[in-house]
Amino acid sequence: MSNAKAAAKLPAGHHAETGKPARAGTHTVVIGTERTASPAWAGTHVAEAIPLYRSDPQARIAVIRRGIPAAMISSLSGRMGMSKETLLSSLGLSRATISRKEKDAALLSKDESERVLGVETLIGMVQAMVEQSGDPADFNAARWVSEWLTKPLPALAGETPASYMDTFEGQKLVADLLAMSQSGAYA
């Protein structure tokens, strides 16, 4: 029996491949022809950064390995209020390659997916910081991150955080600076 047929016969909240109850916070999604129990953000749209930020590393790695839809870049740039061109440039992604993948409804490579999900992680970090610090009502973490990425920082020798977003190590450095800013270390 195919995974799709098996999943259709399972009670809600059960993993399509094993038939066992899925972990809390997961649901069954379809990516291509594969049906798996994945975090809610792992479907065809990573609309919420908080679940990504709070997900376990294995779940994030699985999404990166599988690849995210190229259309996520347009969605992310819209949520951030940042031009797609600026986002692609900061991530070191080729406009032609991404446009072709969007047109073909293709998935991003592991490397491309990791870069895009790195931005989603930053947005989740900021949202979590605001929630911990007070009232998150009317706060748009994606827009705040977009603005913050374009501001030169003394901790980066006057460079912008966006100029570091094209590598995993650069994204890690930017995330660490963001976390330090919450404590006032780089106010």
Protein backbone atom coordinates (compact mmCIF):
# COMPACT_ATOMS: atom_id res chain seq x y z
CA MET A 1 0.00 0.00 0.00
CA SER A 2 1.41 3.44 -0.87
CA ASN A 3 2.24 5.95 1.86
CA ALA A 4 -0.52 8.23 0.62
CA LYS A 5 -3.13 5.45 0.84
CA ALA A 6 -1.82 4.33 4.23
CA ALA A 7 -1.91 7.90 5.55
CA ALA A 8 -5.49 8.33 4.38
CA LYS A 9 -6.53 5.36 6.56
CA LEU A 10 -4.62 6.47 9.67
CA PRO A 11 -6.22 8.35 12.55
CA ALA A 12 -5.34 12.04 12.69
CA GLY A 13 -1.90 12.68 14.14
CA HIS A 14 -0.30 9.39 13.08
CA HIS A 15 2.91 9.11 11.07
CA ALA A 16 2.28 8.03 7.48
CA GLU A 17 5.24 5.64 7.29
CA THR A 18 5.16 3.97 10.71
CA GLY A 19 1.46 4.25 11.55
CA LYS A 20 2.47 5.31 15.07
CA PRO A 21 1.31 8.53 16.73
CA ALA A 22 3.36 11.50 15.56
CA ARG A 23 5.24 13.67 18.02
CA ALA A 24 3.33 16.58 19.53
CA GLY A 25 3.53 19.68 17.34
CA THR A 26 3.73 17.73 14.10
CA HIS A 27 1.34 17.03 11.29
CA THR A 28 1.41 15.11 8.05
CA VAL A 29 2.54 17.13 5.04
CA VAL A 30 3.26 16.27 1.44
CA ILE A 31 6.47 17.48 -0.16
CA GLY A 32 6.70 16.19 -3.70
CA THR A 33 5.54 12.58 -3.51
CA GLU A 34 6.84 12.05 0.02
CA ARG A 35 4.42 12.09 2.96
CA THR A 36 5.97 12.43 6.41
CA ALA A 37 5.18 13.68 9.88
CA SER A 38 6.94 17.01 10.04
CA PRO A 39 6.85 20.16 12.11
CA ALA A 40 4.00 22.45 11.17
CA TRP A 41 6.41 24.89 9.49
CA ALA A 42 7.90 22.21 7.22
CA GLY A 43 5.09 22.17 4.66
CA THR A 44 5.09 24.04 1.41
CA HIS A 45 5.25 27.41 3.19
CA VAL A 46 7.43 28.33 6.13
CA ALA A 47 5.01 31.03 7.21
CA GLU A 48 5.87 31.11 10.88
CA ALA A 49 9.45 31.44 12.06
CA ILE A 50 8.73 30.68 15.72
CA PRO A 51 7.97 26.96 15.19
CA LEU A 52 11.19 26.72 13.16
CA TYR A 53 13.21 28.45 15.85
CA ARG A 54 11.77 26.22 18.57
CA SER A 55 11.98 22.95 16.59
CA ASP A 56 14.56 20.35 17.38
CA PRO A 57 17.72 20.29 15.23
CA GLN A 58 16.83 16.93 13.63
CA ALA A 59 13.58 18.35 12.28
CA ARG A 60 15.35 21.42 10.83
CA ILE A 61 18.05 19.19 9.29
CA ALA A 62 15.40 16.98 7.69
CA VAL A 63 13.77 20.01 6.07
CA ILE A 64 17.12 21.30 4.83
CA ARG A 65 18.03 17.92 3.35
CA ARG A 66 14.65 17.60 1.66
CA GLY A 67 14.82 21.18 0.38
CA ILE A 68 12.28 23.92 0.69
CA PRO A 69 10.20 25.25 -2.22
CA ALA A 70 11.89 28.05 -4.14
CA ALA A 71 8.68 30.07 -3.79
CA MET A 72 9.57 30.51 -0.11
CA ILE A 73 12.03 33.22 -1.07
CA SER A 74 9.29 35.44 -2.52
CA SER A 75 7.12 34.77 0.52
CA LEU A 76 9.96 35.59 2.90
CA SER A 77 10.91 38.80 1.10
CA GLY A 78 7.27 39.90 1.20
CA ARG A 79 6.97 39.21 4.93
CA MET A 80 10.19 41.09 5.55
CA GLY A 81 9.29 44.04 3.36
CA MET A 82 12.64 43.50 1.65
CA SER A 83 13.05 43.31 -2.09
CA LYS A 84 13.65 39.82 -3.40
CA GLU A 85 16.78 41.11 -5.11
CA THR A 86 18.21 42.40 -1.81
CA LEU A 87 17.36 39.16 -0.01
CA LEU A 88 18.95 37.02 -2.73
CA SER A 89 22.05 39.20 -2.72
CA SER A 90 22.48 38.99 1.05
CA LEU A 91 22.08 35.21 0.92
CA GLY A 92 24.52 34.89 -1.99
CA LEU A 93 21.90 33.20 -4.16
CA SER A 94 21.73 33.51 -7.94
CA ARG A 95 18.65 35.40 -9.17
CA ALA A 96 18.59 33.35 -12.39
CA THR A 97 18.82 30.02 -10.58
CA ILE A 98 16.14 30.91 -8.04
CA SER A 99 13.83 32.31 -10.74
CA ARG A 100 14.19 29.09 -12.73
CA LYS A 101 13.45 26.98 -9.67
CA GLU A 102 10.41 29.12 -8.84
CA LYS A 103 9.11 28.79 -12.40
CA ASP A 104 9.60 25.01 -12.27
CA ALA A 105 8.11 24.79 -8.74
CA ALA A 106 11.37 23.11 -7.72
CA LEU A 107 12.97 22.70 -4.32
CA LEU A 108 16.06 24.59 -3.24
CA SER A 109 19.32 22.71 -2.75
CA LYS A 110 20.50 21.87 0.76
CA ASP A 111 22.82 24.87 0.79
CA GLU A 112 20.15 27.26 -0.54
CA SER A 113 17.56 25.90 1.90
CA GLU A 114 19.95 26.30 4.83
CA ARG A 115 20.59 29.94 3.97
CA VAL A 116 16.88 30.76 3.68
CA LEU A 117 16.04 28.91 6.89
CA GLY A 118 18.83 30.83 8.62
CA VAL A 119 16.87 34.04 8.02
CA GLU A 120 13.71 32.35 9.30
CA THR A 121 15.64 31.38 12.42
CA LEU A 122 16.69 34.99 13.02
CA ILE A 123 13.08 36.09 12.73
CA GLY A 124 12.07 33.41 15.22
CA MET A 125 14.81 34.51 17.61
CA VAL A 126 13.63 38.11 17.51
CA GLN A 127 9.99 37.14 18.00
CA ALA A 128 10.92 34.95 20.98
CA MET A 129 13.03 37.77 22.47
CA VAL A 130 10.13 40.22 22.20
CA GLU A 131 7.72 37.70 23.71
CA GLN A 132 10.10 37.17 26.65
CA SER A 133 10.61 40.90 27.14
CA GLY A 134 7.04 42.12 27.06
CA ASP A 135 4.05 42.67 24.84
CA PRO A 136 4.59 41.33 21.29
CA ALA A 137 1.28 42.83 20.03
CA ASP A 138 1.75 44.77 16.79
CA PHE A 139 5.43 43.78 16.58
CA ASN A 140 6.55 42.48 13.20
CA ALA A 141 9.71 40.44 13.76
CA ALA A 142 10.28 39.86 10.02
CA ARG A 143 10.26 43.60 9.27
CA TRP A 144 12.45 44.35 12.28
CA VAL A 145 15.03 41.76 11.15
CA SER A 146 14.94 43.21 7.64
CA GLU A 147 15.82 46.67 8.96
CA TRP A 148 18.41 45.38 11.44
CA LEU A 149 20.20 43.37 8.75
CA THR A 150 20.89 46.55 6.75
CA LYS A 151 22.38 48.62 9.59
CA PRO A 152 26.18 48.71 9.94
CA LEU A 153 27.28 47.39 13.34
CA PRO A 154 30.43 48.30 15.27
CA ALA A 155 30.71 44.64 16.36
CA LEU A 156 31.11 43.76 12.65
CA ALA A 157 33.70 46.48 12.02
CA GLY A 158 31.04 48.68 10.44
CA GLU A 159 29.70 45.97 8.12
CA THR A 160 26.02 45.08 7.94
CA PRO A 161 24.69 41.77 9.30
CA ALA A 162 23.25 41.15 5.80
CA SER A 163 26.79 40.95 4.42
CA TYR A 164 27.36 37.86 6.60
CA MET A 165 24.19 35.96 5.69
CA ASP A 166 25.68 34.07 2.72
CA THR A 167 27.47 31.46 4.85
CA PHE A 168 26.47 29.25 7.77
CA GLU A 169 29.29 30.66 9.93
CA GLY A 170 28.24 34.21 9.06
CA GLN A 171 24.64 33.46 10.00
CA LYS A 172 25.84 31.93 13.27
CA LEU A 173 27.87 35.07 14.03
CA VAL A 174 24.87 37.29 13.27
CA ALA A 175 22.60 35.16 15.47
CA ASP A 176 25.13 35.35 18.31
CA LEU A 177 25.28 39.15 17.99
CA LEU A 178 21.52 39.33 18.04
CA ALA A 179 21.41 37.21 21.20
CA MET A 180 24.08 39.42 22.83
CA SER A 181 22.07 42.52 22.00
CA GLN A 182 19.24 41.22 24.19
CA SER A 183 21.58 41.28 27.18
CA GLY A 184 22.82 44.76 26.26
CA ALA A 185 26.32 43.59 25.30
CA TYR A 186 26.08 45.40 21.92
CA ALA A 187 23.45 48.05 22.60
